[in-house]
N, C-alpha and C. Protein backbone atom coordinates (compact mmCIF):
# COMPACT_ATOMS: atom_id res chain seq x y z
N MET A 1 -22.58 -1.90 11.00
CA MET A 1 -22.05 -3.08 10.79
C MET A 1 -22.67 -3.82 9.38
N GLN A 2 -24.07 -3.63 9.52
CA GLN A 2 -24.64 -4.20 8.34
C GLN A 2 -24.25 -3.57 7.03
N SER A 3 -24.17 -2.24 7.03
CA SER A 3 -23.73 -1.58 5.74
C SER A 3 -22.39 -2.11 5.31
N PHE A 4 -21.49 -2.26 6.38
CA PHE A 4 -19.91 -2.60 5.99
C PHE A 4 -20.04 -3.93 5.39
N MET A 5 -20.86 -4.92 6.06
CA MET A 5 -20.95 -6.21 5.57
C MET A 5 -21.49 -6.45 4.27
N ASP A 6 -22.53 -5.50 3.84
CA ASP A 6 -23.08 -5.42 2.65
C ASP A 6 -22.11 -4.94 1.52
N ARG A 7 -21.35 -4.02 1.89
CA ARG A 7 -20.21 -3.48 0.97
C ARG A 7 -19.35 -4.62 0.85
N LEU A 8 -19.04 -5.25 1.77
CA LEU A 8 -18.06 -6.38 1.75
C LEU A 8 -18.31 -7.31 0.82
N ALA A 9 -19.60 -7.69 0.86
CA ALA A 9 -20.36 -8.86 -0.01
C ALA A 9 -20.62 -8.19 -1.33
N SER A 10 -20.65 -7.10 -1.66
CA SER A 10 -20.84 -6.61 -3.07
C SER A 10 -19.61 -6.88 -3.89
N ALA A 11 -19.94 -6.53 -5.19
CA ALA A 11 -19.05 -6.59 -6.39
C ALA A 11 -18.06 -5.37 -6.31
N SER A 12 -18.15 -4.43 -5.37
CA SER A 12 -17.30 -3.44 -5.13
C SER A 12 -15.70 -3.97 -4.73
N PRO A 13 -14.73 -3.42 -5.41
CA PRO A 13 -13.40 -3.90 -4.92
C PRO A 13 -13.12 -3.55 -3.58
N THR A 14 -13.84 -2.46 -3.10
CA THR A 14 -13.43 -2.02 -1.75
C THR A 14 -14.69 -1.81 -0.88
N PRO A 15 -14.80 -2.31 0.31
CA PRO A 15 -13.82 -2.87 1.01
C PRO A 15 -13.50 -4.28 0.57
N GLY A 16 -12.15 -4.74 0.91
CA GLY A 16 -11.75 -6.12 0.55
C GLY A 16 -11.01 -6.75 1.81
N GLY A 17 -10.25 -7.51 1.52
CA GLY A 17 -9.43 -8.44 2.38
C GLY A 17 -8.75 -7.42 3.50
N GLY A 18 -8.17 -6.37 3.04
CA GLY A 18 -7.48 -5.56 3.95
C GLY A 18 -8.32 -4.67 4.98
N GLY A 19 -9.39 -4.13 4.39
CA GLY A 19 -10.59 -3.66 4.97
C GLY A 19 -11.10 -4.47 6.12
N ALA A 20 -11.25 -5.85 5.78
CA ALA A 20 -11.86 -6.70 6.68
C ALA A 20 -10.82 -7.08 7.87
N ALA A 21 -9.49 -7.16 7.51
CA ALA A 21 -8.48 -7.33 8.56
C ALA A 21 -8.46 -6.28 9.61
N ALA A 22 -8.66 -4.84 9.04
CA ALA A 22 -8.66 -3.85 10.01
C ALA A 22 -9.84 -4.05 10.98
N ALA A 23 -11.09 -4.33 10.18
CA ALA A 23 -12.35 -4.43 10.87
C ALA A 23 -12.20 -5.45 11.97
N ILE A 24 -11.62 -6.67 11.72
CA ILE A 24 -11.33 -7.70 12.66
C ILE A 24 -10.52 -7.32 13.70
N GLY A 25 -9.35 -6.55 13.48
CA GLY A 25 -8.65 -5.86 14.46
C GLY A 25 -9.40 -4.99 15.44
N ALA A 26 -10.35 -4.05 14.83
CA ALA A 26 -11.00 -3.25 15.71
C ALA A 26 -11.95 -4.07 16.65
N MET A 27 -12.45 -5.02 16.28
CA MET A 27 -13.25 -6.00 17.23
C MET A 27 -12.32 -6.56 18.31
N GLY A 28 -11.09 -7.07 17.90
CA GLY A 28 -10.18 -7.59 18.95
C GLY A 28 -9.94 -6.47 19.91
N ALA A 29 -9.68 -5.31 19.48
CA ALA A 29 -9.19 -4.16 20.39
C ALA A 29 -10.54 -3.81 21.09
N ALA A 30 -11.79 -3.82 20.73
CA ALA A 30 -13.03 -3.46 21.44
C ALA A 30 -13.23 -4.63 22.55
N LEU A 31 -12.94 -5.91 22.18
CA LEU A 31 -13.01 -6.74 23.24
C LEU A 31 -11.96 -6.53 24.40
N LEU A 32 -10.75 -6.08 24.05
CA LEU A 32 -9.91 -5.78 25.21
C LEU A 32 -10.37 -4.56 26.06
N SER A 33 -11.01 -3.62 25.38
CA SER A 33 -11.51 -2.55 26.19
C SER A 33 -12.74 -3.02 27.07
N MET A 34 -13.52 -3.93 26.54
CA MET A 34 -14.57 -4.58 27.33
C MET A 34 -13.90 -5.20 28.61
N ALA A 35 -12.89 -6.07 28.50
CA ALA A 35 -12.27 -6.74 29.61
C ALA A 35 -11.79 -5.89 30.64
N ALA A 36 -11.22 -4.75 30.10
CA ALA A 36 -10.76 -3.75 31.05
C ALA A 36 -11.75 -3.15 31.81
N ALA A 37 -12.97 -2.87 31.00
CA ALA A 37 -14.00 -2.00 31.67
C ALA A 37 -14.78 -2.95 32.70
N VAL A 38 -14.97 -4.06 32.22
CA VAL A 38 -15.70 -5.05 33.28
C VAL A 38 -14.77 -5.24 34.48
N THR A 39 -13.47 -5.51 34.32
CA THR A 39 -12.55 -5.57 35.62
C THR A 39 -12.49 -4.40 36.53
N LEU A 40 -12.47 -3.36 35.76
CA LEU A 40 -12.47 -1.89 36.69
C LEU A 40 -13.89 -1.80 37.40
N GLY A 41 -14.88 -2.43 36.88
CA GLY A 41 -16.12 -2.21 37.70
C GLY A 41 -16.19 -3.23 38.84
N LYS A 42 -15.21 -4.20 38.94
CA LYS A 42 -15.16 -5.19 39.97
C LYS A 42 -14.67 -4.38 41.34
N GLY A 43 -13.89 -3.42 41.20
CA GLY A 43 -13.31 -2.69 42.29
C GLY A 43 -12.06 -3.20 42.78
N HIS A 44 -10.90 -2.48 42.81
CA HIS A 44 -9.41 -3.00 42.96
C HIS A 44 -8.67 -1.96 43.58
N ASP A 45 -7.55 -2.15 43.94
CA ASP A 45 -6.63 -1.26 44.60
C ASP A 45 -6.18 -0.18 43.63
N ALA A 46 -5.99 1.06 44.12
CA ALA A 46 -5.64 2.16 43.15
C ALA A 46 -4.69 1.93 42.04
N LEU A 47 -3.61 1.05 42.34
CA LEU A 47 -2.42 0.65 41.31
C LEU A 47 -3.06 -0.05 40.37
N LEU A 48 -3.78 -1.12 40.43
CA LEU A 48 -4.43 -2.01 39.59
C LEU A 48 -5.36 -1.14 38.74
N ARG A 49 -6.25 -0.43 39.51
CA ARG A 49 -7.24 0.42 38.70
C ARG A 49 -6.52 1.38 37.73
N THR A 50 -5.32 1.87 37.98
CA THR A 50 -4.50 2.74 37.11
C THR A 50 -4.23 2.12 35.78
N ASP A 51 -3.62 0.68 36.20
CA ASP A 51 -3.14 0.04 35.18
C ASP A 51 -4.24 -0.50 34.22
N LEU A 52 -5.48 -0.68 34.72
CA LEU A 52 -6.68 -1.08 33.99
C LEU A 52 -7.07 0.05 33.06
N GLN A 53 -7.09 1.23 33.64
CA GLN A 53 -7.45 2.40 32.94
C GLN A 53 -6.55 2.56 31.76
N GLU A 54 -5.24 2.35 32.08
CA GLU A 54 -4.19 2.58 30.94
C GLU A 54 -4.54 1.54 29.76
N GLN A 55 -4.84 0.34 30.23
CA GLN A 55 -5.12 -0.78 29.17
C GLN A 55 -6.36 -0.34 28.45
N TRP A 56 -7.46 0.23 29.12
CA TRP A 56 -8.63 0.54 28.27
C TRP A 56 -8.20 1.74 27.33
N ASN A 57 -7.42 2.78 27.90
CA ASN A 57 -7.16 3.83 26.95
C ASN A 57 -6.33 3.37 25.70
N ALA A 58 -5.36 2.48 25.94
CA ALA A 58 -4.68 1.91 24.86
C ALA A 58 -5.61 1.11 23.90
N SER A 59 -6.35 0.34 24.42
CA SER A 59 -7.20 -0.46 23.59
C SER A 59 -8.31 0.42 22.66
N GLU A 60 -8.65 1.55 23.26
CA GLU A 60 -9.45 2.43 22.64
C GLU A 60 -8.81 3.20 21.59
N ALA A 61 -7.70 3.66 21.87
CA ALA A 61 -6.84 4.31 20.81
C ALA A 61 -6.44 3.34 19.63
N LEU A 62 -6.43 2.06 20.08
CA LEU A 62 -5.98 0.92 18.96
C LEU A 62 -7.31 0.77 18.20
N ARG A 63 -8.54 0.65 18.68
CA ARG A 63 -9.66 0.54 18.07
C ARG A 63 -9.82 1.65 17.04
N ALA A 64 -9.52 2.98 17.52
CA ALA A 64 -9.78 3.96 16.59
C ALA A 64 -8.87 3.93 15.29
N ARG A 65 -7.58 3.45 15.57
CA ARG A 65 -6.58 3.23 14.75
C ARG A 65 -7.08 2.17 13.68
N PHE A 66 -7.70 0.96 13.85
CA PHE A 66 -8.02 0.06 13.29
C PHE A 66 -9.22 0.55 12.12
N ILE A 67 -10.17 1.42 13.00
CA ILE A 67 -11.29 1.90 12.12
C ILE A 67 -10.71 2.81 10.88
N ALA A 68 -9.74 3.54 11.32
CA ALA A 68 -9.17 4.40 10.31
C ALA A 68 -8.55 3.66 9.16
N LEU A 69 -7.92 2.58 9.57
CA LEU A 69 -7.27 1.82 8.62
C LEU A 69 -8.33 1.15 7.68
N VAL A 70 -9.41 0.87 8.03
CA VAL A 70 -10.37 0.48 7.03
C VAL A 70 -10.50 1.46 5.91
N ASP A 71 -10.67 2.72 6.31
CA ASP A 71 -10.79 3.72 5.14
C ASP A 71 -9.43 3.77 4.32
N GLU A 72 -8.28 3.77 5.06
CA GLU A 72 -6.91 3.96 4.46
C GLU A 72 -6.66 2.93 3.42
N ASP A 73 -7.07 1.62 3.84
CA ASP A 73 -7.04 0.52 2.91
C ASP A 73 -7.71 0.67 1.68
N ALA A 74 -8.97 1.17 1.66
CA ALA A 74 -9.77 1.34 0.65
C ALA A 74 -9.27 2.52 -0.15
N ARG A 75 -8.76 3.69 0.18
CA ARG A 75 -8.22 4.62 -0.49
C ARG A 75 -6.94 4.18 -1.23
N ALA A 76 -6.08 3.39 -0.57
CA ALA A 76 -4.95 2.93 -1.06
C ALA A 76 -5.25 2.09 -2.47
N TYR A 77 -6.17 1.06 -2.22
CA TYR A 77 -6.42 0.31 -3.40
C TYR A 77 -7.29 1.06 -4.45
N ASN A 78 -7.88 2.06 -4.14
CA ASN A 78 -8.79 2.81 -5.21
C ASN A 78 -7.62 3.67 -5.80
N ARG A 79 -6.57 4.05 -5.28
CA ARG A 79 -5.64 4.84 -5.79
C ARG A 79 -4.88 3.93 -6.88
N PHE A 80 -4.75 2.66 -6.58
CA PHE A 80 -4.06 1.77 -7.59
C PHE A 80 -4.96 1.44 -8.72
N LEU A 81 -6.18 1.23 -8.57
CA LEU A 81 -7.35 1.14 -9.53
C LEU A 81 -7.34 2.28 -10.42
N GLY A 82 -7.21 3.48 -9.79
CA GLY A 82 -7.29 4.60 -10.72
C GLY A 82 -6.18 4.80 -11.52
N ALA A 83 -4.75 4.29 -10.99
CA ALA A 83 -3.78 4.32 -11.78
C ALA A 83 -3.72 3.48 -13.08
N CYS A 84 -4.49 2.44 -12.70
CA CYS A 84 -4.74 1.31 -13.87
C CYS A 84 -5.53 1.86 -15.02
N ARG A 85 -6.37 2.64 -14.74
CA ARG A 85 -7.33 3.18 -15.61
C ARG A 85 -6.78 4.32 -16.64
N LEU A 86 -5.51 4.78 -16.20
CA LEU A 86 -5.00 5.95 -16.74
C LEU A 86 -4.58 5.44 -18.37
N PRO A 87 -4.78 6.47 -19.22
CA PRO A 87 -4.45 6.11 -20.64
C PRO A 87 -2.95 5.86 -20.91
N ARG A 88 -2.72 5.04 -21.77
CA ARG A 88 -1.22 4.62 -22.14
C ARG A 88 -1.19 4.57 -23.72
N GLN A 89 -1.63 5.49 -24.32
CA GLN A 89 -1.56 5.51 -25.85
C GLN A 89 -0.40 5.79 -26.41
N ASP A 90 0.63 6.44 -25.56
CA ASP A 90 2.14 6.61 -26.09
C ASP A 90 3.02 6.38 -24.87
N ASP A 91 4.09 6.59 -25.13
CA ASP A 91 5.24 6.28 -24.22
C ASP A 91 5.11 6.99 -22.94
N ARG A 92 4.86 8.21 -23.20
CA ARG A 92 4.88 9.25 -21.97
C ARG A 92 3.62 8.74 -20.97
N GLN A 93 2.55 8.73 -21.75
CA GLN A 93 1.28 8.19 -20.98
C GLN A 93 1.66 6.86 -20.23
N ALA A 94 2.05 5.94 -21.02
CA ALA A 94 2.39 4.66 -20.30
C ALA A 94 3.41 4.85 -19.20
N GLU A 95 4.55 5.59 -19.23
CA GLU A 95 5.44 5.88 -18.26
C GLU A 95 4.76 6.52 -17.02
N THR A 96 3.85 7.44 -17.33
CA THR A 96 3.09 8.08 -16.24
C THR A 96 2.15 7.11 -15.44
N ARG A 97 1.38 6.15 -16.14
CA ARG A 97 0.54 5.31 -15.72
C ARG A 97 1.32 4.29 -14.89
N ALA A 98 2.46 3.82 -15.43
CA ALA A 98 3.31 2.76 -14.68
C ALA A 98 3.87 3.41 -13.36
N ALA A 99 4.33 4.67 -13.26
CA ALA A 99 4.84 5.32 -12.21
C ALA A 99 3.55 5.47 -10.98
N ALA A 100 2.29 5.77 -11.64
CA ALA A 100 1.22 5.93 -10.75
C ALA A 100 0.82 4.66 -10.05
N MET A 101 0.89 3.50 -10.96
CA MET A 101 0.67 2.16 -10.41
C MET A 101 1.59 1.69 -9.38
N GLN A 102 2.84 2.05 -9.41
CA GLN A 102 3.83 1.63 -8.42
C GLN A 102 3.63 2.47 -7.22
N ALA A 103 3.14 3.74 -7.23
CA ALA A 103 2.90 4.38 -6.00
C ALA A 103 1.73 3.89 -5.46
N GLY A 104 0.81 3.50 -6.28
CA GLY A 104 -0.49 2.91 -5.66
C GLY A 104 -0.10 1.63 -4.90
N LEU A 105 0.64 0.73 -5.54
CA LEU A 105 1.03 -0.60 -5.04
C LEU A 105 1.83 -0.42 -3.83
N TRP A 106 2.72 0.72 -3.73
CA TRP A 106 3.35 0.84 -2.46
C TRP A 106 2.44 1.22 -1.32
N ALA A 107 1.47 2.11 -1.69
CA ALA A 107 0.41 2.61 -0.73
C ALA A 107 -0.19 1.28 -0.16
N ALA A 108 -0.62 0.30 -1.16
CA ALA A 108 -1.50 -0.81 -0.66
C ALA A 108 -0.52 -1.82 -0.12
N THR A 109 0.82 -1.63 -0.19
CA THR A 109 1.58 -2.56 0.79
C THR A 109 1.78 -1.88 2.07
N GLN A 110 1.85 -0.65 2.21
CA GLN A 110 2.17 0.21 3.41
C GLN A 110 0.96 0.00 4.30
N VAL A 111 -0.09 0.09 4.03
CA VAL A 111 -1.28 0.01 4.84
C VAL A 111 -1.47 -1.22 5.51
N PRO A 112 -1.25 -2.36 4.87
CA PRO A 112 -1.22 -3.73 5.75
C PRO A 112 -0.14 -3.84 6.53
N LEU A 113 1.00 -3.23 6.29
CA LEU A 113 2.11 -3.27 7.23
C LEU A 113 1.91 -2.57 8.54
N ASP A 114 1.09 -1.25 8.37
CA ASP A 114 0.70 -0.48 9.32
C ASP A 114 -0.39 -1.29 10.28
N CYS A 115 -1.36 -2.01 9.44
CA CYS A 115 -2.09 -2.68 10.32
C CYS A 115 -1.54 -3.97 10.96
N ALA A 116 -0.51 -4.48 10.44
CA ALA A 116 -0.10 -5.67 11.03
C ALA A 116 0.83 -5.12 12.29
N GLN A 117 1.36 -3.95 12.26
CA GLN A 117 1.97 -3.30 13.62
C GLN A 117 0.95 -3.25 14.75
N ALA A 118 -0.20 -2.60 14.26
CA ALA A 118 -1.32 -2.50 15.12
C ALA A 118 -1.76 -3.73 15.78
N CYS A 119 -1.92 -4.70 14.90
CA CYS A 119 -2.28 -6.11 15.48
C CYS A 119 -1.26 -6.69 16.52
N VAL A 120 0.05 -6.55 16.23
CA VAL A 120 0.84 -6.91 17.35
C VAL A 120 0.82 -6.16 18.49
N GLU A 121 0.58 -5.01 18.37
CA GLU A 121 0.40 -3.96 19.64
C GLU A 121 -0.96 -4.56 20.39
N GLY A 122 -1.77 -4.88 19.62
CA GLY A 122 -3.00 -5.57 20.34
C GLY A 122 -2.84 -6.83 21.02
N ILE A 123 -2.12 -7.68 20.38
CA ILE A 123 -1.82 -8.83 20.95
C ILE A 123 -0.89 -8.68 22.12
N ARG A 124 0.00 -7.86 22.11
CA ARG A 124 0.78 -7.44 23.38
C ARG A 124 -0.21 -7.08 24.46
N LEU A 125 -1.21 -6.34 24.05
CA LEU A 125 -2.08 -5.72 25.04
C LEU A 125 -2.98 -6.97 25.58
N ALA A 126 -3.30 -7.86 24.79
CA ALA A 126 -3.96 -9.01 25.36
C ALA A 126 -3.40 -9.83 26.14
N LYS A 127 -1.99 -9.90 26.17
CA LYS A 127 -1.26 -10.61 26.99
C LYS A 127 -1.20 -9.89 28.47
N ARG A 128 -1.22 -8.58 28.36
CA ARG A 128 -1.29 -7.96 29.69
C ARG A 128 -2.88 -8.12 30.31
N SER A 129 -3.70 -8.21 29.41
CA SER A 129 -5.22 -8.25 29.72
C SER A 129 -5.43 -9.44 30.41
N VAL A 130 -4.78 -10.65 30.13
CA VAL A 130 -5.15 -11.94 30.71
C VAL A 130 -4.50 -12.05 32.07
N GLU A 131 -3.54 -11.20 32.35
CA GLU A 131 -2.86 -11.22 33.68
C GLU A 131 -3.63 -10.44 34.84
N ARG A 132 -4.45 -9.45 34.20
CA ARG A 132 -5.05 -8.47 35.09
C ARG A 132 -6.72 -8.57 35.02
N SER A 133 -7.18 -9.03 33.99
CA SER A 133 -8.74 -9.18 33.88
C SER A 133 -9.32 -10.18 34.88
N THR A 134 -10.49 -9.76 35.34
CA THR A 134 -11.32 -10.70 36.03
C THR A 134 -11.58 -12.08 35.23
N ARG A 135 -11.87 -13.19 36.06
CA ARG A 135 -11.76 -14.34 35.30
C ARG A 135 -13.05 -14.49 34.16
N ASN A 136 -14.12 -13.84 34.52
CA ASN A 136 -15.29 -14.09 33.67
C ASN A 136 -15.14 -13.32 32.37
N VAL A 137 -13.88 -12.65 32.19
CA VAL A 137 -13.64 -12.10 30.92
C VAL A 137 -12.27 -12.53 30.22
N LEU A 138 -11.74 -13.65 30.79
CA LEU A 138 -10.55 -14.22 30.30
C LEU A 138 -10.73 -14.82 28.99
N GLY A 139 -12.12 -15.21 28.58
CA GLY A 139 -12.28 -15.86 27.35
C GLY A 139 -12.43 -14.58 26.32
N ASP A 140 -12.92 -13.54 26.67
CA ASP A 140 -12.91 -12.37 25.72
C ASP A 140 -11.57 -11.90 25.49
N SER A 141 -10.56 -11.83 26.47
CA SER A 141 -9.23 -11.46 26.12
C SER A 141 -8.59 -12.45 25.22
N GLY A 142 -8.80 -13.70 25.25
CA GLY A 142 -8.32 -14.64 24.44
C GLY A 142 -8.85 -14.65 22.99
N ALA A 143 -10.29 -14.20 22.96
CA ALA A 143 -10.91 -14.13 21.71
C ALA A 143 -10.33 -12.81 21.00
N ALA A 144 -9.93 -11.80 21.77
CA ALA A 144 -9.25 -10.63 21.26
C ALA A 144 -8.02 -11.04 20.52
N ALA A 145 -7.13 -11.81 21.36
CA ALA A 145 -5.84 -12.25 20.63
C ALA A 145 -6.01 -13.04 19.41
N LEU A 146 -7.09 -13.96 19.56
CA LEU A 146 -7.22 -14.89 18.19
C LEU A 146 -7.68 -13.94 17.15
N ALA A 147 -8.52 -13.07 17.27
CA ALA A 147 -9.01 -12.00 16.29
C ALA A 147 -8.03 -11.24 15.64
N LEU A 148 -6.97 -10.70 16.70
CA LEU A 148 -5.92 -10.06 16.16
C LEU A 148 -4.78 -10.83 15.36
N GLN A 149 -4.75 -12.01 15.70
CA GLN A 149 -3.97 -13.01 15.12
C GLN A 149 -4.38 -13.19 13.63
N ALA A 150 -5.72 -13.58 13.55
CA ALA A 150 -6.34 -13.68 12.17
C ALA A 150 -5.99 -12.50 11.41
N ALA A 151 -6.35 -11.14 11.99
CA ALA A 151 -6.11 -9.89 11.25
C ALA A 151 -4.54 -9.92 10.68
N LEU A 152 -3.72 -10.27 11.59
CA LEU A 152 -2.24 -10.11 11.37
C LEU A 152 -1.96 -11.02 10.16
N ARG A 153 -2.55 -12.18 10.24
CA ARG A 153 -2.36 -13.18 9.01
C ARG A 153 -2.68 -12.62 7.66
N ILE A 154 -3.89 -12.01 7.78
CA ILE A 154 -4.37 -11.48 6.55
C ILE A 154 -3.46 -10.24 5.88
N CYS A 155 -2.96 -9.29 6.93
CA CYS A 155 -2.12 -8.40 6.67
C CYS A 155 -0.85 -8.88 6.11
N ALA A 156 -0.24 -9.86 6.43
CA ALA A 156 0.88 -10.56 5.97
C ALA A 156 0.74 -10.99 4.58
N LEU A 157 -0.53 -11.55 4.37
CA LEU A 157 -0.86 -12.10 3.05
C LEU A 157 -0.90 -10.87 2.00
N ASN A 158 -1.55 -9.79 2.30
CA ASN A 158 -1.75 -8.86 1.55
C ASN A 158 -0.34 -8.09 1.23
N VAL A 159 0.55 -7.96 2.16
CA VAL A 159 1.82 -7.49 2.03
C VAL A 159 2.67 -8.36 0.99
N ALA A 160 2.55 -9.68 1.05
CA ALA A 160 3.14 -10.49 0.15
C ALA A 160 2.76 -10.34 -1.17
N VAL A 161 1.29 -10.31 -1.50
CA VAL A 161 0.67 -10.28 -2.74
C VAL A 161 1.03 -8.88 -3.30
N ASN A 162 0.88 -7.87 -2.53
CA ASN A 162 1.07 -6.42 -3.14
C ASN A 162 2.56 -6.10 -3.61
N SER A 163 3.41 -6.49 -2.63
CA SER A 163 4.97 -6.12 -2.72
C SER A 163 5.58 -6.93 -3.77
N ALA A 164 4.79 -8.16 -4.14
CA ALA A 164 5.51 -8.97 -5.39
C ALA A 164 5.28 -8.19 -6.64
N SER A 165 4.70 -7.16 -6.90
CA SER A 165 4.58 -6.24 -8.08
C SER A 165 5.36 -5.11 -8.01
N LEU A 166 6.02 -4.82 -6.87
CA LEU A 166 6.78 -3.72 -6.82
C LEU A 166 8.05 -3.71 -7.53
N ARG A 167 8.36 -2.75 -8.41
CA ARG A 167 9.53 -2.88 -9.01
C ARG A 167 10.89 -2.45 -8.30
N ASP A 168 10.65 -1.82 -7.23
CA ASP A 168 11.75 -1.67 -6.27
C ASP A 168 12.07 -2.88 -5.38
N ALA A 169 12.92 -3.55 -5.77
CA ALA A 169 13.13 -4.97 -5.23
C ALA A 169 13.72 -4.83 -3.66
N GLY A 170 14.42 -3.69 -3.45
CA GLY A 170 14.78 -3.63 -2.00
C GLY A 170 13.61 -3.12 -1.11
N SER A 171 12.82 -2.28 -1.53
CA SER A 171 11.62 -1.88 -0.85
C SER A 171 10.72 -3.08 -0.52
N ALA A 172 10.47 -3.87 -1.74
CA ALA A 172 9.63 -5.22 -1.53
C ALA A 172 10.18 -6.21 -0.53
N ALA A 173 11.41 -6.32 -0.59
CA ALA A 173 12.10 -7.22 0.28
C ALA A 173 11.97 -6.76 1.85
N LEU A 174 12.11 -5.37 1.97
CA LEU A 174 12.13 -4.95 3.27
C LEU A 174 10.73 -5.09 3.87
N ALA A 175 9.70 -4.73 2.95
CA ALA A 175 8.24 -5.08 3.33
C ALA A 175 8.08 -6.27 3.88
N ARG A 176 8.35 -7.37 3.06
CA ARG A 176 8.15 -8.63 3.38
C ARG A 176 9.02 -9.17 4.75
N LYS A 177 10.34 -8.71 4.84
CA LYS A 177 10.99 -9.03 6.12
C LYS A 177 10.21 -8.37 7.32
N THR A 178 9.88 -7.27 7.19
CA THR A 178 9.18 -6.40 8.22
C THR A 178 7.96 -7.15 8.73
N VAL A 179 7.09 -7.52 7.79
CA VAL A 179 5.85 -8.18 8.10
C VAL A 179 6.04 -9.63 8.63
N GLN A 180 7.17 -10.21 8.22
CA GLN A 180 7.35 -11.63 8.76
C GLN A 180 7.89 -11.54 10.11
N THR A 181 8.72 -10.48 10.38
CA THR A 181 9.04 -10.24 11.98
C THR A 181 7.90 -10.19 12.85
N LEU A 182 6.79 -9.18 12.30
CA LEU A 182 5.65 -8.98 13.05
C LEU A 182 4.84 -10.16 13.21
N LEU A 183 4.82 -11.09 12.28
CA LEU A 183 4.03 -12.30 12.20
C LEU A 183 4.69 -13.14 13.03
N ASP A 184 6.05 -13.38 13.15
CA ASP A 184 6.59 -14.25 14.08
C ASP A 184 6.25 -13.89 15.54
N GLU A 185 6.40 -12.60 15.77
CA GLU A 185 6.19 -12.20 17.18
C GLU A 185 4.70 -12.20 17.65
N GLY A 186 3.87 -12.04 16.76
CA GLY A 186 2.49 -11.91 16.93
C GLY A 186 1.76 -13.34 17.13
N LEU A 187 2.29 -14.32 16.32
CA LEU A 187 1.81 -15.65 16.43
C LEU A 187 2.20 -16.28 17.67
N ALA A 188 3.48 -15.96 18.11
CA ALA A 188 4.12 -16.68 19.33
C ALA A 188 3.41 -16.02 20.57
N LEU A 189 2.95 -14.61 20.63
CA LEU A 189 2.52 -13.89 21.73
C LEU A 189 1.00 -14.56 21.89
N ALA A 190 0.31 -14.55 20.65
CA ALA A 190 -0.99 -15.11 20.89
C ALA A 190 -1.17 -16.59 21.23
N GLU A 191 -0.09 -17.32 20.99
CA GLU A 191 -0.11 -18.67 21.56
C GLU A 191 -0.04 -18.57 23.15
N SER A 192 0.97 -17.66 23.51
CA SER A 192 1.31 -17.70 24.85
C SER A 192 -0.06 -17.08 25.63
N VAL A 193 -0.92 -16.25 24.86
CA VAL A 193 -2.12 -15.75 25.71
C VAL A 193 -3.04 -16.89 25.72
N GLN A 194 -3.13 -17.71 24.93
CA GLN A 194 -4.09 -19.02 24.99
C GLN A 194 -3.62 -19.97 26.16
N GLN A 195 -2.45 -20.07 26.14
CA GLN A 195 -1.86 -20.98 27.24
C GLN A 195 -1.96 -20.37 28.56
N ARG A 196 -1.89 -19.32 28.79
CA ARG A 196 -1.88 -18.59 30.01
C ARG A 196 -3.25 -18.56 30.46
N ILE A 197 -4.33 -18.34 29.53
CA ILE A 197 -5.89 -18.57 29.83
C ILE A 197 -6.20 -19.97 30.33
N LEU A 198 -5.47 -20.95 29.77
CA LEU A 198 -5.77 -22.34 30.13
C LEU A 198 -5.19 -22.64 31.64
N GLN A 199 -4.05 -21.99 31.94
CA GLN A 199 -3.30 -22.10 33.21
C GLN A 199 -4.19 -21.29 34.43
N ARG A 200 -4.71 -20.19 34.10
CA ARG A 200 -5.09 -19.26 35.19
C ARG A 200 -6.16 -19.83 35.94
N PRO A 201 -7.02 -20.46 35.50
CA PRO A 201 -8.14 -21.06 36.38
C PRO A 201 -7.58 -22.06 37.57
N THR A 202 -6.46 -22.38 37.38
CA THR A 202 -5.89 -23.60 38.26
C THR A 202 -4.82 -22.73 39.28
N ASP A 203 -4.63 -21.41 39.09
CA ASP A 203 -3.73 -20.63 39.89
C ASP A 203 -4.02 -20.87 41.33
């Protein structure tokens, strides 16, 4: 953690906002794993234990996915930076450089799209978690949803910024539409999670 934070605070262009979003998502997924693990430890009937184990498996897979996305985001942005450094002394070089930059930009757009999808999957899992988790980890499930919501917002911003420079207007528009759909679903789900947490103690 300290190493990652030091690199994030440095003058290095990576990790940046995209890597931070994936790391925040990983923390949200880890909180959901904890909520499932703690609830499993309380002892329940076989059906609920199976459901909780599935929740733990899903959140751990999601955590691994987010951790991988930290590195994928750095690779995508470094690819774009590498393209920017290509020579452009003649028309052929300039064309090669421009094509490489566009490929890098597309990668830098696709990674936050993938991360946004993972965020929404995590928020869906948080909604399940608040229905099944023991009361003393409800706040952790809610914190997971809020963390994933924050990561989702960062992803949506990165998609908007990076897709704005894509020459393929159709692909850029599709990327923005896709992330907006994910954003709408994720924000609504996260709000429902918070409301459910506030309601459950009075059940």
